[in-house]
Amino acid sequence: MGINTVVICVAALFSYWVNKGSFKSAFTTSLAFIIPLFTLIEFIMGLLMPSQLEDNWGIIAILCLMAFNGCLIYAIAKRSGKSSQK
């Protein structure tokens, strides 16, 4: 259950990053749907994963989804920054 707490905290940080960032409105709207979707998938994986820490597929999958979500937000932040400076 501790992993689900981490999932919710990271999702809150990602949402805060999106809301405080200077993204274009289309990016903000799409991320408002993508972040909760990834969070729901990660939360369900956290409920279904085995309890041992060694060779745990759930932790690996959750970390991969979090990394993908963070990279997506970072790429959108870079894209929004370039287009707003022109």
N, C-alpha and C. Protein backbone atom coordinates (compact mmCIF):
# COMPACT_ATOMS: atom_id res chain seq x y z
N MET A 1 0.82 -1.21 0.00
CA MET A 1 0.00 0.00 0.00
C MET A 1 0.85 1.27 0.00
N GLY A 2 2.09 1.17 0.45
CA GLY A 2 2.95 2.35 0.47
C GLY A 2 3.24 2.88 -0.91
N ILE A 3 3.28 1.98 -1.89
CA ILE A 3 3.57 2.41 -3.26
C ILE A 3 2.43 3.26 -3.81
N ASN A 4 1.20 3.00 -3.39
CA ASN A 4 0.07 3.81 -3.87
C ASN A 4 0.12 5.22 -3.32
N THR A 5 0.68 5.38 -2.13
CA THR A 5 0.87 6.72 -1.57
C THR A 5 1.87 7.50 -2.42
N VAL A 6 2.93 6.83 -2.82
CA VAL A 6 3.92 7.46 -3.69
C VAL A 6 3.32 7.82 -5.04
N VAL A 7 2.50 6.93 -5.59
CA VAL A 7 1.84 7.18 -6.88
C VAL A 7 0.98 8.45 -6.79
N ILE A 8 0.21 8.58 -5.72
CA ILE A 8 -0.67 9.75 -5.57
C ILE A 8 0.14 11.02 -5.38
N CYS A 9 1.22 10.95 -4.60
CA CYS A 9 2.06 12.14 -4.38
C CYS A 9 2.75 12.58 -5.67
N VAL A 10 3.25 11.64 -6.44
CA VAL A 10 3.91 11.99 -7.71
C VAL A 10 2.88 12.57 -8.69
N ALA A 11 1.69 12.02 -8.72
CA ALA A 11 0.65 12.56 -9.59
C ALA A 11 0.28 13.99 -9.18
N ALA A 12 0.24 14.24 -7.89
CA ALA A 12 -0.04 15.60 -7.42
C ALA A 12 1.08 16.55 -7.83
N LEU A 13 2.32 16.10 -7.75
CA LEU A 13 3.44 16.94 -8.18
C LEU A 13 3.40 17.21 -9.68
N PHE A 14 3.08 16.18 -10.47
CA PHE A 14 2.95 16.38 -11.91
C PHE A 14 1.83 17.36 -12.23
N SER A 15 0.70 17.22 -11.55
CA SER A 15 -0.42 18.14 -11.77
C SER A 15 -0.05 19.57 -11.38
N TYR A 16 0.67 19.71 -10.28
CA TYR A 16 1.12 21.03 -9.86
C TYR A 16 2.07 21.63 -10.90
N TRP A 17 2.97 20.81 -11.42
CA TRP A 17 3.92 21.25 -12.44
C TRP A 17 3.19 21.74 -13.69
N VAL A 18 2.16 21.01 -14.09
CA VAL A 18 1.39 21.39 -15.28
C VAL A 18 0.61 22.67 -15.02
N ASN A 19 -0.01 22.80 -13.86
CA ASN A 19 -0.83 23.98 -13.58
C ASN A 19 0.00 25.24 -13.36
N LYS A 20 1.21 25.10 -12.82
CA LYS A 20 2.06 26.26 -12.59
C LYS A 20 2.92 26.61 -13.81
N GLY A 21 3.03 25.67 -14.74
CA GLY A 21 3.84 25.91 -15.93
C GLY A 21 3.15 26.84 -16.91
N SER A 22 3.93 27.36 -17.82
CA SER A 22 3.35 28.27 -18.83
C SER A 22 3.12 27.49 -20.12
N PHE A 23 2.29 26.45 -20.02
CA PHE A 23 1.97 25.64 -21.18
C PHE A 23 0.84 26.30 -21.96
N LYS A 24 0.76 25.96 -23.23
CA LYS A 24 -0.38 26.42 -24.01
C LYS A 24 -1.63 25.70 -23.51
N SER A 25 -2.78 26.29 -23.74
CA SER A 25 -4.02 25.75 -23.17
C SER A 25 -4.35 24.36 -23.70
N ALA A 26 -4.01 24.08 -24.95
CA ALA A 26 -4.28 22.75 -25.50
C ALA A 26 -3.45 21.69 -24.79
N PHE A 27 -2.19 22.01 -24.50
CA PHE A 27 -1.34 21.07 -23.78
C PHE A 27 -1.85 20.86 -22.36
N THR A 28 -2.26 21.92 -21.71
CA THR A 28 -2.76 21.82 -20.34
C THR A 28 -4.02 20.98 -20.29
N THR A 29 -4.90 21.16 -21.26
CA THR A 29 -6.14 20.38 -21.30
C THR A 29 -5.87 18.91 -21.54
N SER A 30 -4.98 18.61 -22.48
CA SER A 30 -4.69 17.21 -22.76
C SER A 30 -3.98 16.55 -21.59
N LEU A 31 -3.08 17.26 -20.93
CA LEU A 31 -2.41 16.69 -19.76
C LEU A 31 -3.36 16.52 -18.58
N ALA A 32 -4.41 17.32 -18.54
CA ALA A 32 -5.41 17.16 -17.48
C ALA A 32 -6.15 15.83 -17.60
N PHE A 33 -6.16 15.24 -18.79
CA PHE A 33 -6.75 13.92 -18.97
C PHE A 33 -5.72 12.81 -18.89
N ILE A 34 -4.50 13.07 -19.34
CA ILE A 34 -3.47 12.04 -19.38
C ILE A 34 -2.94 11.71 -17.99
N ILE A 35 -2.69 12.71 -17.16
CA ILE A 35 -2.12 12.48 -15.83
C ILE A 35 -3.05 11.62 -14.97
N PRO A 36 -4.35 11.91 -14.87
CA PRO A 36 -5.21 11.03 -14.07
C PRO A 36 -5.35 9.63 -14.65
N LEU A 37 -5.28 9.50 -15.98
CA LEU A 37 -5.36 8.17 -16.59
C LEU A 37 -4.14 7.33 -16.19
N PHE A 38 -2.94 7.90 -16.32
CA PHE A 38 -1.74 7.20 -15.89
C PHE A 38 -1.77 6.90 -14.40
N THR A 39 -2.28 7.84 -13.62
CA THR A 39 -2.35 7.63 -12.17
C THR A 39 -3.29 6.48 -11.83
N LEU A 40 -4.40 6.39 -12.51
CA LEU A 40 -5.33 5.29 -12.27
C LEU A 40 -4.70 3.95 -12.63
N ILE A 41 -3.99 3.89 -13.76
CA ILE A 41 -3.31 2.65 -14.16
C ILE A 41 -2.25 2.28 -13.13
N GLU A 42 -1.47 3.26 -12.70
CA GLU A 42 -0.42 2.99 -11.70
C GLU A 42 -1.03 2.55 -10.37
N PHE A 43 -2.13 3.15 -9.98
CA PHE A 43 -2.79 2.80 -8.72
C PHE A 43 -3.31 1.37 -8.76
N ILE A 44 -3.92 0.98 -9.87
CA ILE A 44 -4.43 -0.39 -10.01
C ILE A 44 -3.28 -1.38 -10.01
N MET A 45 -2.17 -1.03 -10.69
CA MET A 45 -0.99 -1.90 -10.65
C MET A 45 -0.47 -2.04 -9.22
N GLY A 46 -0.50 -0.95 -8.47
CA GLY A 46 -0.05 -1.00 -7.08
C GLY A 46 -0.91 -1.90 -6.22
N LEU A 47 -2.19 -1.97 -6.54
CA LEU A 47 -3.08 -2.86 -5.78
C LEU A 47 -2.86 -4.33 -6.15
N LEU A 48 -2.52 -4.59 -7.41
CA LEU A 48 -2.41 -5.96 -7.88
C LEU A 48 -1.02 -6.55 -7.79
N MET A 49 -0.01 -5.74 -7.52
CA MET A 49 1.36 -6.25 -7.53
C MET A 49 1.64 -7.12 -6.31
N PRO A 50 2.63 -8.03 -6.44
CA PRO A 50 2.99 -8.87 -5.29
C PRO A 50 3.63 -8.05 -4.18
N SER A 51 3.64 -8.61 -2.98
CA SER A 51 4.11 -7.85 -1.83
C SER A 51 5.63 -7.84 -1.66
N GLN A 52 6.34 -8.80 -2.28
CA GLN A 52 7.80 -8.81 -2.11
C GLN A 52 8.42 -7.71 -2.98
N LEU A 53 9.59 -7.25 -2.57
CA LEU A 53 10.27 -6.19 -3.31
C LEU A 53 11.20 -6.73 -4.39
N GLU A 54 11.68 -7.93 -4.23
CA GLU A 54 12.62 -8.51 -5.17
C GLU A 54 11.89 -9.04 -6.40
N ASP A 55 12.38 -8.68 -7.57
CA ASP A 55 11.79 -9.09 -8.86
C ASP A 55 10.30 -8.75 -8.94
N ASN A 56 9.95 -7.54 -8.61
CA ASN A 56 8.54 -7.12 -8.59
C ASN A 56 8.22 -6.40 -9.90
N TRP A 57 7.37 -7.01 -10.71
CA TRP A 57 6.99 -6.43 -12.00
C TRP A 57 6.17 -5.16 -11.81
N GLY A 58 5.43 -5.07 -10.73
CA GLY A 58 4.57 -3.91 -10.49
C GLY A 58 5.36 -2.64 -10.27
N ILE A 59 6.41 -2.73 -9.46
CA ILE A 59 7.24 -1.55 -9.19
C ILE A 59 7.94 -1.09 -10.47
N ILE A 60 8.44 -2.06 -11.25
CA ILE A 60 9.12 -1.71 -12.50
C ILE A 60 8.15 -1.02 -13.46
N ALA A 61 6.95 -1.55 -13.60
CA ALA A 61 5.96 -0.96 -14.50
C ALA A 61 5.53 0.42 -14.03
N ILE A 62 5.33 0.58 -12.74
CA ILE A 62 4.92 1.88 -12.19
C ILE A 62 6.02 2.92 -12.40
N LEU A 63 7.27 2.54 -12.13
CA LEU A 63 8.38 3.47 -12.34
C LEU A 63 8.53 3.85 -13.81
N CYS A 64 8.33 2.88 -14.71
CA CYS A 64 8.40 3.18 -16.15
C CYS A 64 7.29 4.16 -16.57
N LEU A 65 6.08 3.95 -16.06
CA LEU A 65 4.98 4.86 -16.39
C LEU A 65 5.22 6.26 -15.81
N MET A 66 5.75 6.33 -14.60
CA MET A 66 6.06 7.63 -14.00
C MET A 66 7.15 8.35 -14.80
N ALA A 67 8.16 7.60 -15.22
CA ALA A 67 9.24 8.20 -16.02
C ALA A 67 8.70 8.68 -17.36
N PHE A 68 7.84 7.90 -17.99
CA PHE A 68 7.25 8.31 -19.27
C PHE A 68 6.40 9.57 -19.08
N ASN A 69 5.62 9.59 -18.01
CA ASN A 69 4.77 10.75 -17.73
C ASN A 69 5.62 12.00 -17.48
N GLY A 70 6.69 11.86 -16.71
CA GLY A 70 7.58 12.98 -16.44
C GLY A 70 8.28 13.47 -17.70
N CYS A 71 8.74 12.53 -18.54
CA CYS A 71 9.38 12.92 -19.81
C CYS A 71 8.40 13.61 -20.75
N LEU A 72 7.16 13.14 -20.75
CA LEU A 72 6.13 13.77 -21.58
C LEU A 72 5.87 15.21 -21.14
N ILE A 73 5.76 15.42 -19.86
CA ILE A 73 5.53 16.77 -19.35
C ILE A 73 6.74 17.66 -19.63
N TYR A 74 7.94 17.11 -19.45
CA TYR A 74 9.15 17.89 -19.73
C TYR A 74 9.24 18.27 -21.21
N ALA A 75 8.93 17.33 -22.10
CA ALA A 75 8.97 17.61 -23.53
C ALA A 75 7.94 18.67 -23.91
N ILE A 76 6.76 18.60 -23.32
CA ILE A 76 5.73 19.61 -23.60
C ILE A 76 6.16 20.96 -23.05
N ALA A 77 6.82 20.96 -21.90
CA ALA A 77 7.31 22.22 -21.33
C ALA A 77 8.35 22.86 -22.25
N LYS A 78 9.24 22.04 -22.78
CA LYS A 78 10.25 22.56 -23.72
C LYS A 78 9.59 23.05 -25.00
N ARG A 79 8.62 22.31 -25.50
CA ARG A 79 7.91 22.69 -26.73
C ARG A 79 7.14 23.99 -26.54
N SER A 80 6.49 24.13 -25.42
CA SER A 80 5.72 25.36 -25.14
C SER A 80 6.65 26.55 -24.96
N GLY A 81 7.80 26.32 -24.38
CA GLY A 81 8.75 27.41 -24.18
C GLY A 81 9.34 27.92 -25.47
N LYS A 82 9.64 27.02 -26.42
CA LYS A 82 10.20 27.43 -27.71
C LYS A 82 9.19 28.20 -28.54
N SER A 83 7.94 27.73 -28.54
CA SER A 83 6.94 28.38 -29.39
C SER A 83 6.48 29.72 -28.82
N SER A 84 6.58 29.91 -27.50
CA SER A 84 6.14 31.18 -26.93
C SER A 84 7.20 32.26 -27.07
N GLN A 85 8.48 31.87 -27.31
CA GLN A 85 9.54 32.85 -27.45
C GLN A 85 9.62 33.43 -28.85
N LYS A 86 9.03 32.78 -29.83
CA LYS A 86 9.11 33.26 -31.22
C LYS A 86 8.26 34.47 -31.48
